[in-house]
């Protein structure tokens, strides 16, 4: 895997490893053989994001309770 640096955002992004294909910049995303592997990676990422969102929501509710605001139930 090749990575390149984005100085504006201070992060690294994966460069396309496949040549440009017809209608798909960088070729077909992930190729056809890696669809299951990519799907599992997306599911793990989604689960991590859901966990983080739940933690942030609980933290927001604690802060709202301390400040005397009504909680944001239903979000």
C-alpha atoms as a PDB file:
ATOM      1  CA  UNK A   1       0.000   0.000   0.000  1.00  0.00           C
ATOM      2  CA  UNK A   2       1.230   3.417  -0.864  1.00  0.00           C
ATOM      3  CA  UNK A   3       0.291   6.443   1.189  1.00  0.00           C
ATOM      4  CA  UNK A   4       0.611  10.134   0.520  1.00  0.00           C
ATOM      5  CA  UNK A   5       0.620  13.038   2.950  1.00  0.00           C
ATOM      6  CA  UNK A   6      -1.962  15.821   2.971  1.00  0.00           C
ATOM      7  CA  UNK A   7      -0.261  18.757   4.716  1.00  0.00           C
ATOM      8  CA  UNK A   8      -3.508  20.706   5.144  1.00  0.00           C
ATOM      9  CA  UNK A   9      -5.318  18.011   7.135  1.00  0.00           C
ATOM     10  CA  UNK A  10      -2.307  16.312   8.749  1.00  0.00           C
ATOM     11  CA  UNK A  11      -3.338  12.820   7.732  1.00  0.00           C
ATOM     12  CA  UNK A  12      -2.354  10.099   5.345  1.00  0.00           C
ATOM     13  CA  UNK A  13      -4.522   8.720   2.572  1.00  0.00           C
ATOM     14  CA  UNK A  14      -4.144   5.527   0.621  1.00  0.00           C
ATOM     15  CA  UNK A  15      -3.155   6.048  -2.986  1.00  0.00           C
ATOM     16  CA  UNK A  16      -4.991   4.095  -5.658  1.00  0.00           C
ATOM     17  CA  UNK A  17      -2.943   0.997  -6.394  1.00  0.00           C
ATOM     18  CA  UNK A  18      -4.716   0.099  -9.618  1.00  0.00           C
ATOM     19  CA  UNK A  19      -4.376   1.941 -12.911  1.00  0.00           C
ATOM     20  CA  UNK A  20      -7.253   4.031 -14.135  1.00  0.00           C
ATOM     21  CA  UNK A  21      -9.977   1.825 -15.533  1.00  0.00           C
ATOM     22  CA  UNK A  22     -12.800   2.694 -17.873  1.00  0.00           C
ATOM     23  CA  UNK A  23     -15.186   4.926 -15.964  1.00  0.00           C
ATOM     24  CA  UNK A  24     -13.555   4.247 -12.584  1.00  0.00           C
ATOM     25  CA  UNK A  25     -10.736   6.556 -11.432  1.00  0.00           C
ATOM     26  CA  UNK A  26      -8.220   4.260  -9.772  1.00  0.00           C
ATOM     27  CA  UNK A  27      -9.822   1.142 -11.266  1.00  0.00           C
ATOM     28  CA  UNK A  28     -12.638  -0.830  -9.698  1.00  0.00           C
ATOM     29  CA  UNK A  29     -12.871  -0.163  -5.955  1.00  0.00           C
ATOM     30  CA  UNK A  30     -11.096  -3.000  -4.189  1.00  0.00           C
ATOM     31  CA  UNK A  31     -11.374  -5.330  -7.155  1.00  0.00           C
ATOM     32  CA  UNK A  32     -13.976  -8.039  -7.454  1.00  0.00           C
ATOM     33  CA  UNK A  33     -12.124 -10.612  -5.332  1.00  0.00           C
ATOM     34  CA  UNK A  34     -12.017  -8.493  -2.189  1.00  0.00           C
ATOM     35  CA  UNK A  35     -15.677  -7.529  -1.885  1.00  0.00           C
ATOM     36  CA  UNK A  36     -16.322  -9.681   1.213  1.00  0.00           C
ATOM     37  CA  UNK A  37     -13.159  -8.467   2.897  1.00  0.00           C
ATOM     38  CA  UNK A  38     -14.027  -4.837   2.143  1.00  0.00           C
ATOM     39  CA  UNK A  39     -17.588  -5.324   3.402  1.00  0.00           C
ATOM     40  CA  UNK A  40     -16.280  -6.726   6.695  1.00  0.00           C
ATOM     41  CA  UNK A  41     -13.891  -3.780   7.018  1.00  0.00           C
ATOM     42  CA  UNK A  42     -16.757  -1.325   6.439  1.00  0.00           C
ATOM     43  CA  UNK A  43     -18.896  -3.135   9.026  1.00  0.00           C
ATOM     44  CA  UNK A  44     -16.089  -2.933  11.620  1.00  0.00           C
ATOM     45  CA  UNK A  45     -15.629   0.769  10.880  1.00  0.00           C
ATOM     46  CA  UNK A  46     -19.362   1.367  11.224  1.00  0.00           C
ATOM     47  CA  UNK A  47     -19.397  -0.469  14.563  1.00  0.00           C
ATOM     48  CA  UNK A  48     -16.496   1.649  15.855  1.00  0.00           C
ATOM     49  CA  UNK A  49     -18.244   4.831  14.761  1.00  0.00           C
ATOM     50  CA  UNK A  50     -21.491   3.718  16.422  1.00  0.00           C
ATOM     51  CA  UNK A  51     -19.621   2.984  19.661  1.00  0.00           C
ATOM     52  CA  UNK A  52     -17.972   6.404  19.557  1.00  0.00           C
ATOM     53  CA  UNK A  53     -21.261   8.140  18.838  1.00  0.00           C
ATOM     54  CA  UNK A  54     -22.892   6.339  21.788  1.00  0.00           C
ATOM     55  CA  UNK A  55     -20.059   7.407  24.113  1.00  0.00           C
ATOM     56  CA  UNK A  56     -20.330  11.018  22.943  1.00  0.00           C
ATOM     57  CA  UNK A  57     -24.102  10.951  23.384  1.00  0.00           C
ATOM     58  CA  UNK A  58     -23.775   9.651  26.957  1.00  0.00           C
ATOM     59  CA  UNK A  59     -21.179  12.340  27.683  1.00  0.00           C
ATOM     60  CA  UNK A  60     -23.488  15.030  26.289  1.00  0.00           C
ATOM     61  CA  UNK A  61     -26.326  13.783  28.478  1.00  0.00           C
ATOM     62  CA  UNK A  62     -24.090  13.936  31.588  1.00  0.00           C
ATOM     63  CA  UNK A  63     -23.082  17.512  30.781  1.00  0.00           C
ATOM     64  CA  UNK A  64     -26.703  18.503  30.128  1.00  0.00           C
ATOM     65  CA  UNK A  65     -27.773  17.014  33.477  1.00  0.00           C
ATOM     66  CA  UNK A  66     -25.018  18.925  35.277  1.00  0.00           C
ATOM     67  CA  UNK A  67     -26.104  22.170  33.622  1.00  0.00           C
ATOM     68  CA  UNK A  68     -29.770  21.509  34.347  1.00  0.00           C
ATOM     69  CA  UNK A  69     -30.873  21.180  30.724  1.00  0.00           C
ATOM     70  CA  UNK A  70     -33.411  18.660  29.584  1.00  0.00           C
ATOM     71  CA  UNK A  71     -31.711  15.641  28.085  1.00  0.00           C
ATOM     72  CA  UNK A  72     -31.779  15.007  24.363  1.00  0.00           C
ATOM     73  CA  UNK A  73     -33.739  11.753  24.579  1.00  0.00           C
ATOM     74  CA  UNK A  74     -34.956  10.413  21.279  1.00  0.00           C
ATOM     75  CA  UNK A  75     -31.841  11.153  19.246  1.00  0.00           C
END
